[in-house]
Amino acid sequence: MADNIEGWDRGAVEISHGDCLEDALTLREMVEKAYPCEEIVISPIGAVIGSHVGAGTLALFFMSGPRG
């Protein structure tokens, strides 16, 4: 996130997890401290993606500025 923060409007952040809610909650705390924003949503990764990435996966989504 730190590498791609330029242009971010402090909008919503999504954290998806593969059966590791505690890790997702820890990541939420880290994001809240470093980059306060309007909303952080946590959700499980679905079966299709989960079958490829496996348990323990964390994904962080946010919209930053345009790519150059």
Protein backbone atom coordinates (compact mmCIF):
# COMPACT_ATOMS: atom_id res chain seq x y z
CA MET A 1 0.00 0.00 0.00
CA ALA A 2 2.81 2.38 0.88
CA ASP A 3 4.33 1.90 -2.58
CA ASN A 4 1.08 2.81 -4.35
CA ILE A 5 -0.48 5.41 -2.05
CA GLU A 6 -0.02 8.40 -4.39
CA GLY A 7 -3.39 9.69 -5.55
CA TRP A 8 -5.39 7.72 -2.97
CA ASP A 9 -8.41 9.72 -1.83
CA ARG A 10 -8.66 7.98 1.58
CA GLY A 11 -11.72 6.12 0.35
CA ALA A 12 -12.73 2.60 1.25
CA VAL A 13 -10.24 -0.23 1.71
CA GLU A 14 -11.11 -3.92 1.29
CA ILE A 15 -9.30 -6.73 3.06
CA SER A 16 -10.08 -10.26 1.88
CA HIS A 17 -8.85 -13.34 3.70
CA GLY A 18 -8.59 -17.07 3.16
CA ASP A 19 -9.79 -18.48 6.50
CA CYS A 20 -7.52 -16.21 8.59
CA LEU A 21 -9.83 -13.63 10.14
CA GLU A 22 -7.41 -12.83 12.98
CA ASP A 23 -4.72 -11.89 10.44
CA ALA A 24 -7.25 -9.73 8.57
CA LEU A 25 -8.17 -7.94 11.81
CA THR A 26 -4.49 -7.31 12.53
CA LEU A 27 -4.00 -5.93 9.03
CA ARG A 28 -7.03 -3.66 9.53
CA GLU A 29 -5.43 -2.23 12.68
CA MET A 30 -2.19 -1.60 10.79
CA VAL A 31 -4.01 0.19 7.96
CA GLU A 32 -6.11 2.26 10.37
CA LYS A 33 -2.98 3.50 12.15
CA ALA A 34 -0.93 4.26 9.04
CA TYR A 35 -3.64 5.39 6.61
CA PRO A 36 -6.89 6.57 8.24
CA CYS A 37 -9.75 6.22 5.79
CA GLU A 38 -13.52 6.35 5.56
CA GLU A 39 -14.17 2.59 5.70
CA ILE A 40 -12.38 -0.76 5.90
CA VAL A 41 -14.38 -3.79 4.82
CA ILE A 42 -13.26 -7.33 5.70
CA SER A 43 -14.62 -10.30 3.77
CA PRO A 44 -13.70 -13.93 3.15
CA ILE A 45 -12.19 -14.99 -0.17
CA GLY A 46 -14.68 -17.08 -2.12
CA ALA A 47 -14.31 -20.74 -3.06
CA VAL A 48 -13.10 -20.17 -6.64
CA ILE A 49 -10.22 -17.84 -5.73
CA GLY A 50 -9.65 -19.67 -2.44
CA SER A 51 -9.07 -22.95 -4.26
CA HIS A 52 -6.15 -21.32 -6.09
CA VAL A 53 -4.57 -19.29 -3.29
CA GLY A 54 -5.32 -21.42 -0.22
CA ALA A 55 -5.82 -20.77 3.45
CA GLY A 56 -3.85 -17.97 5.05
CA THR A 57 -4.13 -15.60 2.08
CA LEU A 58 -4.59 -11.88 2.72
CA ALA A 59 -5.47 -9.39 0.00
CA LEU A 60 -5.60 -5.61 0.36
CA PHE A 61 -7.56 -3.53 -2.15
CA PHE A 62 -7.78 0.25 -2.54
CA MET A 63 -8.07 2.72 -5.41
CA SER A 64 -5.08 5.00 -5.94
CA GLY A 65 -4.31 7.54 -8.65
CA PRO A 66 -3.95 6.76 -12.33
CA ARG A 67 -1.15 4.48 -13.44
CA GLY A 68 1.59 6.11 -15.44
